[in-house]
Amino acid sequence: MKQLRNAILRSFILYSLGLSIVGGLIEEFFNQLEELVLGINYQIPLQILSGVFQILAVVGFSFLFYRSLNKKIGKESQRLAKEQSTLFANIAHDLKTPLTSITGFSKALNEEVVEPTEIKEVSGIIYRKSVSANDLLDLMFQYTKLNSAEFSLNKQACAVNYLLKEAVADNYDLIEDQELELLLDLPDEPLIRTLDKTEFRRVFNNLLINACKHNPIKTELAISIVEEDSTVKIIFADNGTMIPQKDREQLFEPFVSENETERNFQGSGLGLAIVKTIIDKHDFTIELLDDEKYTKKFVISM
């Protein structure tokens, strides 16, 4: 929607400028016609004609602006409809796998065809698949909420480095389970920025979960904050699974495809899309940069 608003604003400025120029040319043409050709006796008729032509110019430019606006809105509506259709199609696709397992194993338990020694294992599978389905639905809810017209950020002054420390603490069990070698380099003095604390905690959580789930065990994860002039840069770098160069441009798109980027790692394809959406809404930026030491280096600039 932000792109649509910017496009409408640009069109309005261009059409207003064009109308102003054409209106000035019409007025100048009739002034010259009066002075050099017809004389003062035709002043009133020429003013009337000038007014008529200017009204026609306004009508013409208004029609062109309306048609351009209608075209842009239609194009944006089609894009949003296509994106939403893709979102739900992929959600349905990704939900099918855990739900099929849940249905199959539940049926086996209900019909008592599972050996007594295997009941605990089958119950565990059902539980894990249920958690997986619930996590996917939660991601879908977060993504659709962020992209709804009613959503707005609740910004307040916040110490970014303290918020990041809290997120690391929240996910420490997951980091330990994955045996990641965590390297933290965060300043002690508070770095204050105006942001939505809840949503930015989600950014940090998603990046940490992404690093844990999509890398081999014992991967080195380096998290740091550096301040360059008035810009704060938050860096998540690791030496785990490399993302091919050809996939990087679409990395932050939801469900980029079934065989690329995040979905290669059996992810939902929504985690980084949510990260990018939140950061964009704050007017910050996130990039995936090359690094001599690490295979992936996400940099948030604020």
C-alpha atoms as a PDB file:
ATOM      1  CA  MET A   1       0.000   0.000   0.000  1.00  0.00           C
ATOM      2  CA  LYS A   2       2.901   2.348   0.655  1.00  0.00           C
ATOM      3  CA  GLN A   3       4.077   1.891  -2.941  1.00  0.00           C
ATOM      4  CA  LEU A   4       0.545   2.660  -4.167  1.00  0.00           C
ATOM      5  CA  ARG A   5       0.378   5.848  -2.083  1.00  0.00           C
ATOM      6  CA  ASN A   6       3.747   6.979  -3.436  1.00  0.00           C
ATOM      7  CA  ALA A   7       2.675   6.224  -7.015  1.00  0.00           C
ATOM      8  CA  ILE A   8      -0.561   8.216  -6.562  1.00  0.00           C
ATOM      9  CA  LEU A   9       1.357  11.126  -5.045  1.00  0.00           C
ATOM     10  CA  ARG A  10       3.828  11.148  -7.948  1.00  0.00           C
ATOM     11  CA  SER A  11       0.996  11.049 -10.481  1.00  0.00           C
ATOM     12  CA  PHE A  12      -0.820  13.897  -8.716  1.00  0.00           C
ATOM     13  CA  ILE A  13       2.297  16.057  -8.735  1.00  0.00           C
ATOM     14  CA  LEU A  14       2.987  15.348 -12.425  1.00  0.00           C
ATOM     15  CA  TYR A  15      -0.604  16.000 -13.529  1.00  0.00           C
ATOM     16  CA  SER A  16      -0.819  19.156 -11.407  1.00  0.00           C
ATOM     17  CA  LEU A  17       2.431  20.413 -12.912  1.00  0.00           C
ATOM     18  CA  GLY A  18       1.240  19.535 -16.413  1.00  0.00           C
ATOM     19  CA  LEU A  19      -2.110  21.276 -15.860  1.00  0.00           C
ATOM     20  CA  SER A  20      -0.359  24.372 -14.514  1.00  0.00           C
ATOM     21  CA  ILE A  21       1.928  24.541 -17.555  1.00  0.00           C
ATOM     22  CA  VAL A  22      -0.892  23.978 -20.064  1.00  0.00           C
ATOM     23  CA  GLY A  23      -3.100  26.541 -18.276  1.00  0.00           C
ATOM     24  CA  GLY A  24      -0.310  29.103 -18.439  1.00  0.00           C
ATOM     25  CA  LEU A  25       0.276  28.416 -22.124  1.00  0.00           C
ATOM     26  CA  ILE A  26      -3.438  28.808 -22.917  1.00  0.00           C
ATOM     27  CA  GLU A  27      -3.612  32.127 -21.079  1.00  0.00           C
ATOM     28  CA  GLU A  28      -0.433  33.371 -22.747  1.00  0.00           C
ATOM     29  CA  PHE A  29      -1.704  32.307 -26.208  1.00  0.00           C
ATOM     30  CA  PHE A  30      -4.945  34.324 -25.888  1.00  0.00           C
ATOM     31  CA  ASN A  31      -3.084  37.315 -24.425  1.00  0.00           C
ATOM     32  CA  GLN A  32      -0.741  37.336 -27.426  1.00  0.00           C
ATOM     33  CA  LEU A  33      -3.700  36.863 -29.787  1.00  0.00           C
ATOM     34  CA  GLU A  34      -5.363  39.921 -28.270  1.00  0.00           C
ATOM     35  CA  GLU A  35      -2.244  42.118 -28.324  1.00  0.00           C
ATOM     36  CA  LEU A  36      -0.784  41.186 -31.707  1.00  0.00           C
ATOM     37  CA  VAL A  37      -3.755  40.191 -33.864  1.00  0.00           C
ATOM     38  CA  LEU A  38      -7.291  41.067 -32.778  1.00  0.00           C
ATOM     39  CA  GLY A  39      -6.839  44.021 -30.457  1.00  0.00           C
ATOM     40  CA  ILE A  40      -8.564  45.192 -27.294  1.00  0.00           C
ATOM     41  CA  ASN A  41     -12.042  45.086 -28.859  1.00  0.00           C
ATOM     42  CA  TYR A  42     -11.969  41.284 -28.602  1.00  0.00           C
ATOM     43  CA  GLN A  43     -10.736  41.237 -25.008  1.00  0.00           C
ATOM     44  CA  ILE A  44     -13.937  39.835 -23.417  1.00  0.00           C
ATOM     45  CA  PRO A  45     -14.584  37.099 -26.047  1.00  0.00           C
ATOM     46  CA  LEU A  46     -10.937  36.062 -25.855  1.00  0.00           C
ATOM     47  CA  GLN A  47     -11.095  35.880 -22.040  1.00  0.00           C
ATOM     48  CA  ILE A  48     -14.206  33.717 -22.318  1.00  0.00           C
ATOM     49  CA  LEU A  49     -12.485  31.450 -24.852  1.00  0.00           C
ATOM     50  CA  SER A  50      -9.396  31.285 -22.615  1.00  0.00           C
ATOM     51  CA  GLY A  51     -11.596  30.272 -19.674  1.00  0.00           C
ATOM     52  CA  VAL A  52     -13.351  27.605 -21.751  1.00  0.00           C
ATOM     53  CA  PHE A  53     -10.055  26.122 -22.937  1.00  0.00           C
ATOM     54  CA  GLN A  54      -8.695  26.114 -19.391  1.00  0.00           C
ATOM     55  CA  ILE A  55     -11.843  24.328 -18.164  1.00  0.00           C
ATOM     56  CA  LEU A  56     -11.386  21.792 -20.964  1.00  0.00           C
ATOM     57  CA  ALA A  57      -7.757  21.370 -19.909  1.00  0.00           C
ATOM     58  CA  VAL A  58      -8.844  20.750 -16.298  1.00  0.00           C
ATOM     59  CA  VAL A  59     -11.440  18.209 -17.443  1.00  0.00           C
ATOM     60  CA  GLY A  60      -8.917  16.503 -19.733  1.00  0.00           C
ATOM     61  CA  PHE A  61      -6.205  16.285 -17.094  1.00  0.00           C
ATOM     62  CA  SER A  62      -8.743  15.139 -14.465  1.00  0.00           C
ATOM     63  CA  PHE A  63      -9.863  12.341 -16.786  1.00  0.00           C
ATOM     64  CA  LEU A  64      -6.265  11.303 -17.453  1.00  0.00           C
ATOM     65  CA  PHE A  65      -5.471  11.374 -13.726  1.00  0.00           C
ATOM     66  CA  TYR A  66      -8.583   9.331 -12.923  1.00  0.00           C
ATOM     67  CA  ARG A  67      -7.732   6.748 -15.576  1.00  0.00           C
ATOM     68  CA  SER A  68      -4.137   6.526 -14.355  1.00  0.00           C
ATOM     69  CA  LEU A  69      -5.305   6.257 -10.738  1.00  0.00           C
ATOM     70  CA  ASN A  70      -7.852   3.586 -11.589  1.00  0.00           C
ATOM     71  CA  LYS A  71      -5.206   1.603 -13.455  1.00  0.00           C
ATOM     72  CA  LYS A  72      -2.744   1.791 -10.535  1.00  0.00           C
ATOM     73  CA  ILE A  73      -5.400   0.763  -7.991  1.00  0.00           C
ATOM     74  CA  GLY A  74      -6.501  -2.128 -10.208  1.00  0.00           C
ATOM     75  CA  LYS A  75      -2.927  -3.299 -10.643  1.00  0.00           C
ATOM     76  CA  GLU A  76      -2.258  -3.103  -6.887  1.00  0.00           C
ATOM     77  CA  SER A  77      -5.515  -4.938  -6.133  1.00  0.00           C
ATOM     78  CA  GLN A  78      -4.533  -7.717  -8.531  1.00  0.00           C
ATOM     79  CA  ARG A  79      -1.090  -7.939  -6.935  1.00  0.00           C
ATOM     80  CA  LEU A  80      -2.537  -8.139  -3.419  1.00  0.00           C
ATOM     81  CA  ALA A  81      -5.137 -10.708  -4.488  1.00  0.00           C
ATOM     82  CA  LYS A  82      -2.444 -12.823  -6.140  1.00  0.00           C
ATOM     83  CA  GLU A  83      -0.179 -12.532  -3.086  1.00  0.00           C
ATOM     84  CA  GLN A  84      -3.016 -13.509  -0.752  1.00  0.00           C
ATOM     85  CA  SER A  85      -4.010 -16.407  -2.985  1.00  0.00           C
ATOM     86  CA  THR A  86      -0.405 -17.641  -3.021  1.00  0.00           C
ATOM     87  CA  LEU A  87      -0.196 -17.228   0.747  1.00  0.00           C
ATOM     88  CA  PHE A  88      -3.261 -19.353   1.452  1.00  0.00           C
ATOM     89  CA  ALA A  89      -2.353 -21.939  -1.188  1.00  0.00           C
ATOM     90  CA  ASN A  90       1.064 -22.422   0.367  1.00  0.00           C
ATOM     91  CA  ILE A  91      -0.344 -22.452   3.899  1.00  0.00           C
ATOM     92  CA  ALA A  92      -2.737 -25.204   2.816  1.00  0.00           C
ATOM     93  CA  HIS A  93       0.154 -27.078   1.183  1.00  0.00           C
ATOM     94  CA  ASP A  94       2.382 -26.838   4.262  1.00  0.00           C
ATOM     95  CA  LEU A  95      -0.431 -27.743   6.642  1.00  0.00           C
ATOM     96  CA  LYS A  96      -1.254 -30.847   4.634  1.00  0.00           C
ATOM     97  CA  THR A  97       1.898 -32.724   5.718  1.00  0.00           C
ATOM     98  CA  PRO A  98       1.495 -32.441   9.528  1.00  0.00           C
ATOM     99  CA  LEU A  99      -2.293 -32.850   9.351  1.00  0.00           C
ATOM    100  CA  THR A 100      -1.940 -35.991   7.242  1.00  0.00           C
ATOM    101  CA  SER A 101       0.444 -37.435   9.830  1.00  0.00           C
ATOM    102  CA  ILE A 102      -1.833 -36.435  12.714  1.00  0.00           C
ATOM    103  CA  THR A 103      -4.854 -37.993  10.989  1.00  0.00           C
ATOM    104  CA  GLY A 104      -3.023 -41.220  10.107  1.00  0.00           C
ATOM    105  CA  PHE A 105      -1.407 -41.803  13.486  1.00  0.00           C
ATOM    106  CA  SER A 106      -4.589 -40.814  15.382  1.00  0.00           C
ATOM    107  CA  LYS A 107      -6.562 -43.322  13.316  1.00  0.00           C
ATOM    108  CA  ALA A 108      -3.974 -46.004  14.050  1.00  0.00           C
ATOM    109  CA  LEU A 109      -4.236 -45.297  17.795  1.00  0.00           C
ATOM    110  CA  ASN A 110      -8.025 -45.241  17.671  1.00  0.00           C
ATOM    111  CA  GLU A 111      -8.174 -48.580  15.840  1.00  0.00           C
ATOM    112  CA  GLU A 112      -5.600 -50.051  18.266  1.00  0.00           C
ATOM    113  CA  VAL A 113      -3.287 -51.219  15.476  1.00  0.00           C
ATOM    114  CA  VAL A 114      -0.245 -49.660  17.157  1.00  0.00           C
ATOM    115  CA  GLU A 115       1.907 -51.939  19.269  1.00  0.00           C
ATOM    116  CA  PRO A 116       1.820 -51.043  23.011  1.00  0.00           C
ATOM    117  CA  THR A 117       5.577 -50.407  22.933  1.00  0.00           C
ATOM    118  CA  GLU A 118       5.100 -47.857  20.120  1.00  0.00           C
ATOM    119  CA  ILE A 119       2.211 -45.866  21.615  1.00  0.00           C
ATOM    120  CA  LYS A 120       4.500 -43.332  23.325  1.00  0.00           C
ATOM    121  CA  GLU A 121       6.495 -42.789  20.128  1.00  0.00           C
ATOM    122  CA  VAL A 122       3.345 -42.338  18.005  1.00  0.00           C
ATOM    123  CA  SER A 123       1.857 -39.933  20.576  1.00  0.00           C
ATOM    124  CA  GLY A 124       5.073 -37.923  20.447  1.00  0.00           C
ATOM    125  CA  ILE A 125       4.859 -37.699  16.649  1.00  0.00           C
ATOM    126  CA  ILE A 126       1.250 -36.490  16.868  1.00  0.00           C
ATOM    127  CA  TYR A 127       2.260 -33.846  19.421  1.00  0.00           C
ATOM    128  CA  ARG A 128       5.213 -32.575  17.350  1.00  0.00           C
ATOM    129  CA  LYS A 129       3.101 -32.405  14.186  1.00  0.00           C
ATOM    130  CA  SER A 130       0.387 -30.515  16.095  1.00  0.00           C
ATOM    131  CA  VAL A 131       2.953 -27.992  17.338  1.00  0.00           C
ATOM    132  CA  SER A 132       4.286 -27.607  13.783  1.00  0.00           C
ATOM    133  CA  ALA A 133       0.782 -26.921  12.413  1.00  0.00           C
ATOM    134  CA  ASN A 134       0.062 -24.455  15.222  1.00  0.00           C
ATOM    135  CA  ASP A 135       3.346 -22.598  14.611  1.00  0.00           C
ATOM    136  CA  LEU A 136       2.526 -22.308  10.919  1.00  0.00           C
ATOM    137  CA  LEU A 137      -0.936 -20.913  11.643  1.00  0.00           C
ATOM    138  CA  ASP A 138       0.605 -18.449  14.106  1.00  0.00           C
ATOM    139  CA  LEU A 139       3.040 -17.240  11.423  1.00  0.00           C
ATOM    140  CA  MET A 140       0.194 -16.836   8.960  1.00  0.00           C
ATOM    141  CA  PHE A 141      -1.754 -14.786  11.517  1.00  0.00           C
ATOM    142  CA  GLN A 142       1.267 -12.560  12.197  1.00  0.00           C
ATOM    143  CA  TYR A 143       1.918 -11.967   8.499  1.00  0.00           C
ATOM    144  CA  THR A 144      -1.704 -11.188   7.581  1.00  0.00           C
ATOM    145  CA  LYS A 145      -2.036  -8.910  10.636  1.00  0.00           C
ATOM    146  CA  LEU A 146       1.064  -6.927   9.678  1.00  0.00           C
ATOM    147  CA  ASN A 147      -0.238  -6.413   6.130  1.00  0.00           C
ATOM    148  CA  SER A 148      -3.772  -5.417   7.108  1.00  0.00           C
ATOM    149  CA  ALA A 149      -4.906  -1.813   6.620  1.00  0.00           C
ATOM    150  CA  GLU A 150      -5.891  -1.544  10.306  1.00  0.00           C
ATOM    151  CA  PHE A 151      -2.449  -2.452  11.669  1.00  0.00           C
ATOM    152  CA  SER A 152      -0.356   0.331  13.197  1.00  0.00           C
ATOM    153  CA  LEU A 153       2.850   0.332  15.191  1.00  0.00           C
ATOM    154  CA  ASN A 154       2.913   1.231  18.881  1.00  0.00           C
ATOM    155  CA  LYS A 155       6.203   3.121  18.894  1.00  0.00           C
ATOM    156  CA  GLN A 156       8.057   4.174  22.015  1.00  0.00           C
ATOM    157  CA  ALA A 157      11.616   4.921  23.070  1.00  0.00           C
ATOM    158  CA  CYS A 158      13.464   1.676  23.701  1.00  0.00           C
ATOM    159  CA  ALA A 159      17.026   0.496  24.370  1.00  0.00           C
ATOM    160  CA  VAL A 160      17.663  -1.724  21.356  1.00  0.00           C
ATOM    161  CA  ASN A 161      20.621  -3.567  22.896  1.00  0.00           C
ATOM    162  CA  TYR A 162      18.626  -4.474  26.025  1.00  0.00           C
ATOM    163  CA  LEU A 163      15.717  -5.716  23.900  1.00  0.00           C
ATOM    164  CA  LEU A 164      18.122  -7.891  21.914  1.00  0.00           C
ATOM    165  CA  LYS A 165      19.603  -9.348  25.125  1.00  0.00           C
ATOM    166  CA  GLU A 166      16.087 -10.265  26.272  1.00  0.00           C
ATOM    167  CA  ALA A 167      15.367 -11.990  22.954  1.00  0.00           C
ATOM    168  CA  VAL A 168      18.593 -14.015  23.208  1.00  0.00           C
ATOM    169  CA  ALA A 169      17.662 -15.047  26.769  1.00  0.00           C
ATOM    170  CA  ASP A 170      14.159 -16.057  25.603  1.00  0.00           C
ATOM    171  CA  ASN A 171      15.625 -18.343  22.942  1.00  0.00           C
ATOM    172  CA  TYR A 172      18.612 -19.667  24.878  1.00  0.00           C
ATOM    173  CA  ASP A 173      17.151 -23.177  25.248  1.00  0.00           C
ATOM    174  CA  LEU A 174      16.753 -23.415  21.473  1.00  0.00           C
ATOM    175  CA  ILE A 175      20.316 -22.131  20.967  1.00  0.00           C
ATOM    176  CA  GLU A 176      21.659 -24.741  23.397  1.00  0.00           C
ATOM    177  CA  ASP A 177      19.625 -27.548  21.812  1.00  0.00           C
ATOM    178  CA  GLN A 178      21.171 -26.678  18.448  1.00  0.00           C
ATOM    179  CA  GLU A 179      24.614 -26.417  20.137  1.00  0.00           C
ATOM    180  CA  LEU A 180      25.254 -23.064  18.487  1.00  0.00           C
ATOM    181  CA  GLU A 181      28.433 -21.269  19.443  1.00  0.00           C
ATOM    182  CA  LEU A 182      26.984 -17.898  20.410  1.00  0.00           C
ATOM    183  CA  LEU A 183      29.219 -14.822  20.241  1.00  0.00           C
ATOM    184  CA  LEU A 184      27.630 -11.670  21.664  1.00  0.00           C
ATOM    185  CA  ASP A 185      29.136  -8.215  21.218  1.00  0.00           C
ATOM    186  CA  LEU A 186      26.618  -5.720  22.557  1.00  0.00           C
ATOM    187  CA  PRO A 187      27.314  -2.289  24.075  1.00  0.00           C
ATOM    188  CA  ASP A 188      26.639  -1.767  27.769  1.00  0.00           C
ATOM    189  CA  GLU A 189      25.261   1.758  27.381  1.00  0.00           C
ATOM    190  CA  PRO A 190      21.636   1.918  26.186  1.00  0.00           C
ATOM    191  CA  LEU A 191      21.141   2.643  22.476  1.00  0.00           C
ATOM    192  CA  ILE A 192      17.754   4.345  22.321  1.00  0.00           C
ATOM    193  CA  ARG A 193      15.553   4.146  19.235  1.00  0.00           C
ATOM    194  CA  THR A 194      11.833   4.752  18.741  1.00  0.00           C
ATOM    195  CA  LEU A 195      10.178   1.478  17.757  1.00  0.00           C
ATOM    196  CA  ASP A 196       7.399  -0.988  18.491  1.00  0.00           C
ATOM    197  CA  LYS A 197       8.933  -3.090  21.243  1.00  0.00           C
ATOM    198  CA  THR A 198       6.622  -6.091  20.744  1.00  0.00           C
ATOM    199  CA  GLU A 199       7.097  -6.265  16.991  1.00  0.00           C
ATOM    200  CA  PHE A 200      10.850  -5.729  17.134  1.00  0.00           C
ATOM    201  CA  ARG A 201      11.180  -8.492  19.708  1.00  0.00           C
ATOM    202  CA  ARG A 202       9.461 -10.635  17.059  1.00  0.00           C
ATOM    203  CA  VAL A 203      12.134  -9.566  14.544  1.00  0.00           C
ATOM    204  CA  PHE A 204      14.926 -10.706  16.874  1.00  0.00           C
ATOM    205  CA  ASN A 205      13.093 -13.934  17.771  1.00  0.00           C
ATOM    206  CA  ASN A 206      12.526 -14.812  14.106  1.00  0.00           C
ATOM    207  CA  LEU A 207      16.173 -14.173  13.206  1.00  0.00           C
ATOM    208  CA  LEU A 208      17.343 -16.299  16.136  1.00  0.00           C
ATOM    209  CA  ILE A 209      14.911 -19.112  15.297  1.00  0.00           C
ATOM    210  CA  ASN A 210      15.978 -18.879  11.651  1.00  0.00           C
ATOM    211  CA  ALA A 211      19.623 -19.298  12.665  1.00  0.00           C
ATOM    212  CA  CYS A 212      18.809 -22.281  14.895  1.00  0.00           C
ATOM    213  CA  LYS A 213      16.496 -24.150  12.551  1.00  0.00           C
ATOM    214  CA  HIS A 214      18.249 -23.634   9.232  1.00  0.00           C
ATOM    215  CA  ASN A 215      21.865 -24.345  10.168  1.00  0.00           C
ATOM    216  CA  PRO A 216      23.777 -27.490  11.182  1.00  0.00           C
ATOM    217  CA  ILE A 217      24.587 -28.095  14.831  1.00  0.00           C
ATOM    218  CA  LYS A 218      27.620 -26.332  16.294  1.00  0.00           C
ATOM    219  CA  THR A 219      27.236 -23.410  13.874  1.00  0.00           C
ATOM    220  CA  GLU A 220      28.882 -20.197  15.059  1.00  0.00           C
ATOM    221  CA  LEU A 221      26.361 -17.363  15.482  1.00  0.00           C
ATOM    222  CA  ALA A 222      27.777 -13.869  16.017  1.00  0.00           C
ATOM    223  CA  ILE A 223      25.348 -11.167  17.147  1.00  0.00           C
ATOM    224  CA  SER A 224      26.660  -7.636  17.462  1.00  0.00           C
ATOM    225  CA  ILE A 225      25.595  -3.996  17.490  1.00  0.00           C
ATOM    226  CA  VAL A 226      27.748  -1.228  16.061  1.00  0.00           C
ATOM    227  CA  GLU A 227      27.063   2.498  15.931  1.00  0.00           C
ATOM    228  CA  GLU A 228      28.241   4.369  12.845  1.00  0.00           C
ATOM    229  CA  ASP A 229      27.640   8.124  13.071  1.00  0.00           C
ATOM    230  CA  SER A 230      23.907   8.325  13.816  1.00  0.00           C
ATOM    231  CA  THR A 231      23.089   4.838  12.487  1.00  0.00           C
ATOM    232  CA  VAL A 232      22.768   1.765  14.681  1.00  0.00           C
ATOM    233  CA  LYS A 233      23.529  -1.525  12.904  1.00  0.00           C
ATOM    234  CA  ILE A 234      22.401  -4.844  14.343  1.00  0.00           C
ATOM    235  CA  ILE A 235      24.259  -7.822  12.854  1.00  0.00           C
ATOM    236  CA  PHE A 236      23.298 -11.507  12.843  1.00  0.00           C
ATOM    237  CA  ALA A 237      26.105 -13.487  11.188  1.00  0.00           C
ATOM    238  CA  ASP A 238      26.741 -17.225  11.065  1.00  0.00           C
ATOM    239  CA  ASN A 239      28.959 -19.745   9.279  1.00  0.00           C
ATOM    240  CA  GLY A 240      26.160 -22.241   8.622  1.00  0.00           C
ATOM    241  CA  THR A 241      24.246 -23.141   5.474  1.00  0.00           C
ATOM    242  CA  MET A 242      25.001 -20.786   2.603  1.00  0.00           C
ATOM    243  CA  ILE A 243      22.163 -19.146   0.642  1.00  0.00           C
ATOM    244  CA  PRO A 244      22.811 -19.212  -3.135  1.00  0.00           C
ATOM    245  CA  GLN A 245      23.332 -15.803  -4.702  1.00  0.00           C
ATOM    246  CA  LYS A 246      20.443 -16.324  -7.125  1.00  0.00           C
ATOM    247  CA  ASP A 247      17.999 -16.787  -4.225  1.00  0.00           C
ATOM    248  CA  ARG A 248      19.007 -13.759  -2.185  1.00  0.00           C
ATOM    249  CA  GLU A 249      16.830 -11.201  -3.960  1.00  0.00           C
ATOM    250  CA  GLN A 250      13.691 -13.177  -3.081  1.00  0.00           C
ATOM    251  CA  LEU A 251      14.808 -14.196   0.396  1.00  0.00           C
ATOM    252  CA  PHE A 252      12.383 -11.882   2.194  1.00  0.00           C
ATOM    253  CA  GLU A 253       9.377 -12.781   0.031  1.00  0.00           C
ATOM    254  CA  PRO A 254       6.724 -15.098   1.529  1.00  0.00           C
ATOM    255  CA  PHE A 255       6.835 -18.615   0.055  1.00  0.00           C
ATOM    256  CA  VAL A 256       9.430 -17.760  -2.591  1.00  0.00           C
ATOM    257  CA  SER A 257       8.994 -21.284  -3.997  1.00  0.00           C
ATOM    258  CA  GLU A 258       8.886 -24.869  -2.866  1.00  0.00           C
ATOM    259  CA  ASN A 259      12.493 -25.584  -3.697  1.00  0.00           C
ATOM    260  CA  GLU A 260      14.333 -22.369  -2.941  1.00  0.00           C
ATOM    261  CA  THR A 261      15.841 -20.437  -0.082  1.00  0.00           C
ATOM    262  CA  GLU A 262      14.033 -20.874   3.267  1.00  0.00           C
ATOM    263  CA  ARG A 263      11.841 -23.703   2.010  1.00  0.00           C
ATOM    264  CA  ASN A 264      14.987 -25.637   1.176  1.00  0.00           C
ATOM    265  CA  PHE A 265      15.477 -25.819   4.937  1.00  0.00           C
ATOM    266  CA  GLN A 266      11.901 -27.051   5.529  1.00  0.00           C
ATOM    267  CA  GLY A 267      10.860 -23.604   6.758  1.00  0.00           C
ATOM    268  CA  SER A 268       7.490 -21.982   6.187  1.00  0.00           C
ATOM    269  CA  GLY A 269       8.916 -19.170   4.087  1.00  0.00           C
ATOM    270  CA  LEU A 270       7.185 -16.646   6.360  1.00  0.00           C
ATOM    271  CA  GLY A 271       9.715 -15.959   9.121  1.00  0.00           C
ATOM    272  CA  LEU A 272      11.975 -13.625   7.141  1.00  0.00           C
ATOM    273  CA  ALA A 273       8.991 -12.107   5.308  1.00  0.00           C
ATOM    274  CA  ILE A 274       7.596 -11.067   8.709  1.00  0.00           C
ATOM    275  CA  VAL A 275      11.007  -9.659   9.689  1.00  0.00           C
ATOM    276  CA  LYS A 276      11.194  -7.572   6.502  1.00  0.00           C
ATOM    277  CA  THR A 277       7.613  -6.305   6.857  1.00  0.00           C
ATOM    278  CA  ILE A 278       8.162  -5.116  10.444  1.00  0.00           C
ATOM    279  CA  ILE A 279      11.460  -3.434   9.589  1.00  0.00           C
ATOM    280  CA  ASP A 280       9.961  -1.698   6.529  1.00  0.00           C
ATOM    281  CA  LYS A 281       7.073  -0.377   8.634  1.00  0.00           C
ATOM    282  CA  HIS A 282       9.658   1.228  10.933  1.00  0.00           C
ATOM    283  CA  ASP A 283      11.396   2.802   7.888  1.00  0.00           C
ATOM    284  CA  PHE A 284      14.542   0.837   8.768  1.00  0.00           C
ATOM    285  CA  THR A 285      16.369  -1.517   6.393  1.00  0.00           C
ATOM    286  CA  ILE A 286      17.606  -5.112   6.464  1.00  0.00           C
ATOM    287  CA  GLU A 287      20.136  -6.607   4.060  1.00  0.00           C
ATOM    288  CA  LEU A 288      21.883  -9.917   3.550  1.00  0.00           C
ATOM    289  CA  LEU A 289      25.517  -9.021   2.942  1.00  0.00           C
ATOM    290  CA  ASP A 290      28.646 -10.936   1.994  1.00  0.00           C
ATOM    291  CA  ASP A 291      31.319 -11.438   4.607  1.00  0.00           C
ATOM    292  CA  GLU A 292      34.828 -12.898   4.523  1.00  0.00           C
ATOM    293  CA  LYS A 293      34.307 -14.967   7.671  1.00  0.00           C
ATOM    294  CA  TYR A 294      30.590 -15.838   7.679  1.00  0.00           C
ATOM    295  CA  THR A 295      28.310 -17.463   5.100  1.00  0.00           C
ATOM    296  CA  LYS A 296      25.327 -15.279   6.081  1.00  0.00           C
ATOM    297  CA  LYS A 297      25.276 -11.783   7.508  1.00  0.00           C
ATOM    298  CA  PHE A 298      21.944 -10.065   8.157  1.00  0.00           C
ATOM    299  CA  VAL A 299      22.359  -6.349   8.883  1.00  0.00           C
ATOM    300  CA  ILE A 300      19.537  -4.186  10.267  1.00  0.00           C
ATOM    301  CA  SER A 301      20.198  -0.454   9.930  1.00  0.00           C
ATOM    302  CA  MET A 302      18.206   2.017  12.012  1.00  0.00           C
END
